[in-house]
Amino acid sequence: MTSPDEQTGYRIHRWNTDPNWEEFELPQPGPGEVTIRVEACGVGQTVLNAIRGDLGNHPGLLPRVPGHELAGRITEVGPDVERHLLGRRVVAYFYLTCGSCDECLAGQDSLCRNLAGFVGVHRDGGYAPYAVLPAANVIRVPDGLDPIAATVVPDAVATPVHVAARAAITRDDRVVVIGAGGGVGIHMIQVALLKTADVIGFDVTQDKLTAIEAHGVRAMDSSDFSSIPSPFTDGPPTVVIDLVGSAAATTWSMDSLGARGRLVALTTFVTRPISVEHRDFVFREISLIGSRYASKTEVAAAADLVVTGRVDPVIGEVVRPAELLALHAKLRTRQLIGRGALAWDI
């Protein structure tokens, strides 16, 4: 199947503004590239950050099609790409990695020394019905995996898989997930439960607290961190996973962790500094751990978790293209439970 010369989709023309719905040319895949017919694309906070320019805001990158959590089938391959990929269902790996540095060769793809940027920022993503990407940036998933469900795999589930490894979560841990009703958080609690840890999810609205409890996890209102009681009866948290990154969340986490506890930081906001005391790290031997996305192997592992039903994909709303900007508005006001999804085939 050959992709069309023209397509209609969303493109950014100025950072920190809504994308425009328009017709534009689709390039043919070059050496080492593939064309993907996008079936669906995940919609979460990270894509809003990308549109705002947080992951790159050079005018020379524009116009750009956003959307990094795309799932679809390969319809065309460029030179030097194996033809057996044609027709295969794939998801996109978010980072444009080199594949040849020491980190990439060691399977630590998100730490690539020669990172070329991000899908949806430095290469067109899934807010259009076709995308052309490097073949190295597509990861095969089972053909039977529903494409809407597949949108949670490359980020919303893969990121928790990486976090669980970074924090070395075990059955002996007491885990708090801050922001547990969001796209990453609702899947983070499920991955932590797979480690048989004791897990509690924090969030601020009743619908999200209800969604957390629906996944077998105790929920606590974190609207006011100063008034949160001790979350566990058998000791302080040993792991806190912070998906909010506010000063209040960090302060509570540092104060609440037990001896040798681990605080896992994932947010990358540039205006949220934290203040810590060295003595806290020494006296309690606590650790502050950064967690950056996931490896390609972890994305494949995330797909397996979804396919086998061990992780339930939580997609609060699926929209057609005409409804996408309204979904963005819900995300900004934190009304969306789990991830959203843009579907091209409904």
Protein backbone atom coordinates (compact mmCIF):
# COMPACT_ATOMS: atom_id res chain seq x y z
CA MET A 1 0.00 0.00 0.00
CA THR A 2 1.36 3.42 -0.94
CA SER A 3 0.72 6.44 1.24
CA PRO A 4 -0.94 9.52 -0.25
CA ASP A 5 1.02 12.55 -1.39
CA GLU A 6 -1.24 14.83 0.62
CA GLN A 7 -2.88 14.37 4.00
CA THR A 8 -4.99 16.43 6.37
CA GLY A 9 -4.05 16.64 10.03
CA TYR A 10 -2.89 18.91 12.84
CA ARG A 11 0.29 20.98 12.67
CA ILE A 12 1.91 23.53 14.96
CA HIS A 13 2.98 26.79 13.30
CA ARG A 14 3.97 28.63 16.47
CA TRP A 15 5.05 27.12 19.76
CA ASN A 16 2.62 27.47 22.67
CA THR A 17 -0.41 27.79 20.39
CA ASP A 18 -3.03 25.26 19.35
CA PRO A 19 -2.18 23.21 16.26
CA ASN A 20 -4.00 23.99 13.02
CA TRP A 21 -6.12 21.54 11.02
CA GLU A 22 -4.78 21.68 7.45
CA GLU A 23 -3.70 19.79 4.36
CA PHE A 24 0.01 19.27 3.78
CA GLU A 25 2.42 17.08 1.85
CA LEU A 26 3.58 13.75 3.21
CA PRO A 27 7.20 12.93 2.34
CA GLN A 28 8.21 9.57 0.95
CA PRO A 29 10.27 7.38 3.30
CA GLY A 30 13.99 7.81 2.76
CA PRO A 31 16.79 5.37 3.54
CA GLY A 32 16.17 3.67 6.85
CA GLU A 33 12.64 5.10 7.17
CA VAL A 34 9.09 3.75 7.13
CA THR A 35 5.64 5.19 6.53
CA ILE A 36 3.04 4.39 9.18
CA ARG A 37 -0.69 4.62 8.71
CA VAL A 38 -1.62 5.99 12.12
CA GLU A 39 -4.60 4.19 13.61
CA ALA A 40 -4.59 6.06 16.92
CA CYS A 41 -2.42 8.42 18.97
CA GLY A 42 -2.26 8.85 22.72
CA VAL A 43 -3.05 12.26 24.19
CA GLY A 44 -1.48 13.15 27.52
CA GLN A 45 0.30 15.90 29.39
CA THR A 46 3.60 15.33 27.59
CA VAL A 47 2.12 16.21 24.20
CA LEU A 48 0.83 19.47 25.68
CA ASN A 49 4.33 20.16 27.01
CA ALA A 50 5.73 19.49 23.54
CA ILE A 51 3.23 21.83 21.89
CA ARG A 52 4.15 24.49 24.45
CA GLY A 53 7.79 24.18 23.38
CA ASP A 54 9.19 22.55 26.52
CA LEU A 55 11.02 19.85 24.55
CA GLY A 56 12.32 22.13 21.83
CA ASN A 57 11.10 25.51 20.65
CA HIS A 58 13.33 26.52 17.76
CA PRO A 59 11.29 28.16 14.97
CA GLY A 60 13.19 26.06 12.46
CA LEU A 61 11.41 22.94 13.72
CA LEU A 62 8.07 24.28 12.51
CA PRO A 63 5.61 23.45 11.13
CA ARG A 64 5.36 20.20 13.07
CA VAL A 65 2.79 17.42 13.56
CA PRO A 66 2.59 16.64 17.32
CA GLY A 67 1.82 13.30 18.91
CA HIS A 68 4.43 10.79 20.06
CA GLU A 69 2.25 7.93 21.35
CA LEU A 70 1.17 6.73 17.94
CA ALA A 71 0.13 3.22 16.98
CA GLY A 72 -0.44 2.02 13.45
CA ARG A 73 0.64 -0.22 10.61
CA ILE A 74 3.64 0.17 8.32
CA THR A 75 2.47 0.81 4.76
CA GLU A 76 5.75 1.61 3.02
CA VAL A 77 9.45 1.08 3.64
CA GLY A 78 12.37 3.08 2.36
CA PRO A 79 15.69 1.81 1.05
CA ASP A 80 17.64 -0.45 3.43
CA VAL A 81 14.52 -1.40 5.43
CA GLU A 82 13.39 -5.02 5.51
CA ARG A 83 10.14 -5.52 3.62
CA HIS A 84 8.77 -8.03 6.12
CA LEU A 85 7.82 -5.00 8.24
CA LEU A 86 5.08 -4.10 5.75
CA GLY A 87 1.66 -4.45 7.32
CA ARG A 88 3.02 -4.90 10.83
CA ARG A 89 1.41 -3.08 13.75
CA VAL A 90 3.90 -0.87 15.57
CA VAL A 91 4.18 1.85 18.17
CA ALA A 92 6.64 4.72 18.07
CA TYR A 93 9.63 5.02 20.37
CA PHE A 94 9.52 8.62 21.63
CA TYR A 95 13.27 9.41 21.58
CA LEU A 96 15.17 9.76 18.29
CA THR A 97 18.21 7.75 19.34
CA CYS A 98 21.41 7.02 17.42
CA GLY A 99 21.53 3.29 18.14
CA SER A 100 25.33 3.21 18.14
CA CYS A 101 26.60 5.00 21.27
CA ASP A 102 27.59 3.04 24.38
CA GLU A 103 24.27 3.78 26.09
CA CYS A 104 22.17 2.63 23.13
CA LEU A 105 24.26 -0.51 22.71
CA ALA A 106 23.81 -1.24 26.43
CA GLY A 107 20.03 -0.98 26.10
CA GLN A 108 19.84 2.37 27.87
CA ASP A 109 18.22 4.10 24.91
CA SER A 110 16.74 7.05 26.81
CA LEU A 111 20.29 8.13 27.78
CA CYS A 112 21.51 8.23 24.17
CA ARG A 113 24.58 10.48 23.86
CA ASN A 114 23.62 11.59 20.36
CA LEU A 115 19.92 12.17 20.90
CA ALA A 116 18.41 13.82 17.83
CA GLY A 117 15.23 14.93 19.59
CA PHE A 118 11.72 13.62 20.00
CA VAL A 119 8.87 12.29 17.87
CA GLY A 120 6.27 15.05 17.63
CA VAL A 121 8.88 17.76 18.15
CA HIS A 122 11.80 17.03 15.82
CA ARG A 123 9.92 14.59 13.57
CA ASP A 124 6.23 14.58 12.67
CA GLY A 125 4.05 12.45 14.91
CA GLY A 126 0.60 10.96 15.16
CA TYR A 127 -1.71 13.98 14.93
CA ALA A 128 -2.05 13.15 11.22
CA PRO A 129 -3.17 9.91 9.55
CA TYR A 130 0.32 9.08 8.21
CA ALA A 131 3.79 9.54 9.70
CA VAL A 132 7.27 8.91 8.33
CA LEU A 133 9.78 7.83 10.98
CA PRO A 134 13.15 6.10 11.19
CA ALA A 135 12.67 2.33 11.21
CA ALA A 136 14.75 2.27 14.39
CA ASN A 137 11.97 4.25 16.07
CA VAL A 138 9.20 1.73 15.55
CA ILE A 139 8.62 -1.19 17.88
CA ARG A 140 6.52 -4.12 16.77
CA VAL A 141 3.56 -5.08 18.90
CA PRO A 142 1.25 -8.07 18.47
CA ASP A 143 -1.12 -7.67 15.53
CA GLY A 144 -4.00 -8.60 17.81
CA LEU A 145 -3.37 -5.66 20.15
CA ASP A 146 -6.18 -3.13 19.75
CA PRO A 147 -4.69 0.10 18.33
CA ILE A 148 -6.50 2.28 20.88
CA ALA A 149 -5.12 0.16 23.71
CA ALA A 150 -1.71 0.25 22.04
CA THR A 151 -1.46 4.02 22.50
CA VAL A 152 -0.73 3.58 26.22
CA VAL A 153 2.17 1.20 25.56
CA PRO A 154 5.07 3.44 24.41
CA ASP A 155 4.85 5.94 27.28
CA ALA A 156 2.03 5.54 29.81
CA VAL A 157 2.94 1.90 30.55
CA ALA A 158 6.60 1.81 29.46
CA THR A 159 7.49 4.68 31.79
CA PRO A 160 6.15 2.83 34.88
CA VAL A 161 8.05 -0.30 33.81
CA HIS A 162 11.24 1.78 33.85
CA VAL A 163 10.34 3.45 37.16
CA ALA A 164 9.76 0.09 38.83
CA ALA A 165 13.24 -0.98 37.74
CA ARG A 166 14.89 2.28 38.77
CA ALA A 167 13.31 2.13 42.24
CA ALA A 168 13.86 -1.64 42.51
CA ILE A 169 10.31 -2.11 43.82
CA THR A 170 9.72 -5.41 45.62
CA ARG A 171 6.98 -7.06 47.65
CA ASP A 172 8.49 -5.53 50.80
CA ASP A 173 7.88 -1.96 49.64
CA ARG A 174 5.22 0.53 50.66
CA VAL A 175 4.68 2.66 47.57
CA VAL A 176 2.96 6.03 47.20
CA VAL A 177 2.17 7.30 43.70
CA ILE A 178 1.49 11.05 43.62
CA GLY A 179 -0.77 11.96 40.69
CA ALA A 180 -2.04 8.39 40.43
CA GLY A 181 -5.18 9.24 38.45
CA GLY A 182 -3.34 10.62 35.43
CA GLY A 183 -2.11 8.85 32.33
CA VAL A 184 1.17 7.57 33.74
CA GLY A 185 -0.04 7.36 37.33
CA ILE A 186 -3.01 5.05 36.72
CA HIS A 187 -0.69 2.60 34.98
CA MET A 188 2.09 3.12 37.54
CA ILE A 189 -0.09 1.79 40.33
CA GLN A 190 -0.82 -1.32 38.27
CA VAL A 191 2.85 -1.99 37.53
CA ALA A 192 3.72 -1.48 41.21
CA LEU A 193 0.99 -3.95 42.18
CA LEU A 194 2.54 -6.52 39.84
CA LYS A 195 5.60 -6.33 42.08
CA THR A 196 3.21 -7.28 44.93
CA ALA A 197 4.07 -4.08 46.77
CA ASP A 198 1.61 -2.29 49.07
CA VAL A 199 0.45 0.69 47.00
CA ILE A 200 -1.49 3.88 47.72
CA GLY A 201 -2.45 6.44 45.07
CA PHE A 202 -2.71 10.17 45.73
CA ASP A 203 -4.84 12.55 43.68
CA VAL A 204 -7.13 15.53 44.14
CA THR A 205 -10.54 14.86 42.56
CA GLN A 206 -13.15 12.33 43.58
CA ASP A 207 -13.46 10.78 40.12
CA LYS A 208 -9.72 10.10 40.02
CA LEU A 209 -9.72 8.72 43.56
CA THR A 210 -12.55 6.41 42.54
CA ALA A 211 -10.62 5.29 39.45
CA ILE A 212 -7.56 4.54 41.60
CA GLU A 213 -9.60 2.39 43.95
CA ALA A 214 -11.20 0.60 40.99
CA HIS A 215 -7.74 -0.75 40.19
CA GLY A 216 -7.32 -2.35 43.58
CA VAL A 217 -5.35 0.44 45.24
CA ARG A 218 -6.18 2.56 48.25
CA ALA A 219 -6.66 6.21 47.35
CA MET A 220 -5.95 9.35 49.38
CA ASP A 221 -6.84 12.98 48.72
CA SER A 222 -3.66 15.05 48.32
CA SER A 223 -5.31 18.44 47.86
CA ASP A 224 -3.51 19.59 51.01
CA PHE A 225 -0.23 17.81 51.67
CA SER A 226 0.07 19.39 55.11
CA SER A 227 -3.00 17.49 56.31
CA ILE A 228 -2.30 14.02 54.86
CA PRO A 229 -2.16 11.40 57.63
CA SER A 230 0.42 8.63 57.63
CA PRO A 231 -0.63 6.53 54.60
CA PHE A 232 0.46 3.13 55.94
CA THR A 233 -0.22 1.55 59.31
CA ASP A 234 2.90 -0.64 59.30
CA GLY A 235 5.52 2.00 58.63
CA PRO A 236 6.44 4.98 56.47
CA PRO A 237 6.57 4.83 52.67
CA THR A 238 9.67 3.19 51.27
CA VAL A 239 9.07 4.45 47.71
CA VAL A 240 7.37 7.67 46.59
CA ILE A 241 6.83 8.17 42.86
CA ASP A 242 6.19 11.86 42.18
CA LEU A 243 4.32 12.63 38.97
CA VAL A 244 3.37 16.16 40.09
CA GLY A 245 6.68 17.77 40.99
CA SER A 246 5.30 20.60 43.12
CA ALA A 247 7.21 21.99 46.10
CA ALA A 248 4.50 20.68 48.42
CA ALA A 249 4.69 17.18 46.93
CA THR A 250 8.48 17.09 47.19
CA THR A 251 8.52 18.37 50.75
CA TRP A 252 5.94 15.82 51.85
CA SER A 253 7.84 13.02 50.10
CA MET A 254 11.19 13.88 51.65
CA ASP A 255 9.66 14.26 55.11
CA SER A 256 7.62 11.06 54.89
CA LEU A 257 10.09 8.53 53.48
CA GLY A 258 11.35 5.87 55.82
CA ALA A 259 14.96 4.77 56.24
CA ARG A 260 16.56 3.92 52.87
CA GLY A 261 13.46 5.17 51.13
CA ARG A 262 13.52 6.22 47.47
CA LEU A 263 11.90 9.29 45.94
CA VAL A 264 11.52 8.89 42.18
CA ALA A 265 11.30 12.17 40.25
CA LEU A 266 9.84 12.22 36.74
CA THR A 267 8.71 15.78 36.01
CA THR A 268 10.91 18.10 33.97
CA PHE A 269 9.33 21.49 34.64
CA VAL A 270 11.93 24.26 34.50
CA THR A 271 10.33 26.48 37.13
CA ARG A 272 10.00 24.03 40.03
CA PRO A 273 13.24 23.96 42.06
CA ILE A 274 13.40 21.90 45.24
CA SER A 275 15.30 22.46 48.46
CA VAL A 276 16.85 19.54 50.30
CA GLU A 277 19.16 19.08 53.26
CA HIS A 278 22.20 16.82 52.87
CA ARG A 279 21.72 15.59 56.43
CA ASP A 280 18.38 14.03 55.43
CA PHE A 281 20.14 11.83 52.88
CA VAL A 282 22.82 10.87 55.37
CA PHE A 283 20.83 10.20 58.54
CA ARG A 284 18.07 8.17 56.82
CA GLU A 285 20.10 6.97 53.82
CA ILE A 286 17.31 8.04 51.51
CA SER A 287 17.77 8.38 47.76
CA LEU A 288 16.50 10.83 45.16
CA ILE A 289 16.25 8.94 41.87
CA GLY A 290 15.64 10.45 38.45
CA SER A 291 13.75 8.34 35.93
CA ARG A 292 13.92 9.22 32.25
CA TYR A 293 11.38 7.59 29.92
CA ALA A 294 12.12 3.91 29.10
CA SER A 295 14.26 1.69 26.93
CA LYS A 296 13.05 0.05 23.73
CA THR A 297 13.14 -3.28 25.53
CA GLU A 298 10.91 -1.84 28.25
CA VAL A 299 8.44 -0.60 25.62
CA ALA A 300 8.23 -4.16 24.28
CA ALA A 301 7.73 -5.41 27.84
CA ALA A 302 4.94 -2.85 28.31
CA ALA A 303 3.19 -4.18 25.20
CA ASP A 304 3.34 -7.68 26.66
CA LEU A 305 1.78 -6.48 29.93
CA VAL A 306 -1.15 -4.98 28.03
CA VAL A 307 -1.60 -7.89 25.63
CA THR A 308 -1.64 -10.44 28.45
CA GLY A 309 -4.08 -8.38 30.51
CA ARG A 310 -1.71 -7.82 33.41
CA VAL A 311 -2.05 -4.07 32.89
CA ASP A 312 -5.43 -2.60 32.01
CA PRO A 313 -5.12 0.30 29.53
CA VAL A 314 -6.97 3.23 31.08
CA ILE A 315 -8.16 5.59 28.35
CA GLY A 316 -10.61 8.11 29.70
CA GLU A 317 -11.79 9.43 26.36
CA VAL A 318 -11.39 8.51 22.69
CA VAL A 319 -12.04 11.32 20.22
CA ARG A 320 -12.26 11.93 16.52
CA PRO A 321 -9.96 14.59 15.03
CA ALA A 322 -12.62 17.31 15.23
CA GLU A 323 -12.85 16.82 19.02
CA LEU A 324 -9.11 16.87 19.74
CA LEU A 325 -8.73 20.45 20.95
CA ALA A 326 -11.62 19.98 23.38
CA LEU A 327 -9.73 16.97 24.77
CA HIS A 328 -6.66 19.18 25.20
CA ALA A 329 -8.79 21.55 27.27
CA LYS A 330 -9.86 18.69 29.55
CA LEU A 331 -6.24 17.71 30.03
CA ARG A 332 -5.25 21.24 30.98
CA THR A 333 -7.96 21.38 33.64
CA ARG A 334 -7.09 17.86 34.91
CA GLN A 335 -10.53 16.45 34.10
CA LEU A 336 -9.22 13.42 32.20
CA ILE A 337 -8.74 10.08 33.94
CA GLY A 338 -5.85 8.12 32.48
CA ARG A 339 -4.83 8.84 28.90
CA GLY A 340 -6.85 10.26 26.04
CA ALA A 341 -6.67 8.90 22.52
CA LEU A 342 -7.12 10.38 19.06
CA ALA A 343 -8.58 7.75 16.74
CA TRP A 344 -8.26 7.98 12.97
CA ASP A 345 -10.38 4.91 12.21
CA ILE A 346 -13.69 5.74 13.97
